[in-house]
Amino acid sequence: MAEIKDEAFEGVGLEGGLEIWRIEKFKLNKIDKSEHGRFNKGDSYLILQTRQSGRSLNHEIFFWIGSTSTKDEFASVAYKAVELDNVFGGACVQHREVQDAESKQFLSLFHETGFQIVDADIESGFRQIKAEDYDAKLLHVKGVRNVRVRRVNLLASSLNHGDVFILDCGRYIYLWLGAKASKPEKAKGFDVANKILREWTKDNAFLQLLEDGRTD
């Protein structure tokens, strides 16, 4: 490896998997694995994918720009992408990803966790707020291999029979399964809902299943 200029890159890319950082005041803050797949639309992120290929390791770099991320953040993450590339001798392929125009390759990085965009005023760790102060939100879960989770208007008209939705009310989480949604889509919906549920563990959260067309 080349000389490392940013201590955030110490020991990176030594084993297969993802490493993700968010730009905070021109510096990199590493994201915990439990938060992988969740992106704040007000931020910019740097992602390193490391893959084992025989006895060697291959690296690819992605940087993602949220729709309300500042120009300073965008410039910083682009610069850090080059700096990270230099750690590996400039041999990495770099990918620029923009919110709502993500490539299939980028989305495939999160096939296990799903890909979710949260509002800019919600920081990671937002579950630390009191449940009674939590604003309900309706999430649309779409896809199987490349799962997208998007917040939609909290209206009955936002629902459709072919997809899966999650009504997140804080300690009470409702999983709505469209009648025409496939079994794999429903399974992914359960995965996402359970991930949300785990964030409320200390507050005794509950998950309720709602099946499209059933009234019991």
Foldseek 3Di string as FASTA:
>chain_A
DDDAPAPVCPPPQPDFAKWKWWQDPLDTDTDDPLCPQEAELQTKMKMWGWDDDPPDIAIAIEIEHHPNHDPSRVVSNVVVSCSNCVVVPVPYHYYYHYPPRGDPVVLLSCQPPAHEYDYNVQDPVNLVDDLVPDDKWKWWWDDQNRIYIYTDDPDPVVDDQATWMWTPSRLEIEIEHRVNHDPSRSVVSVSNRVSSNVSNVVVNGDYHYHYPPDDD
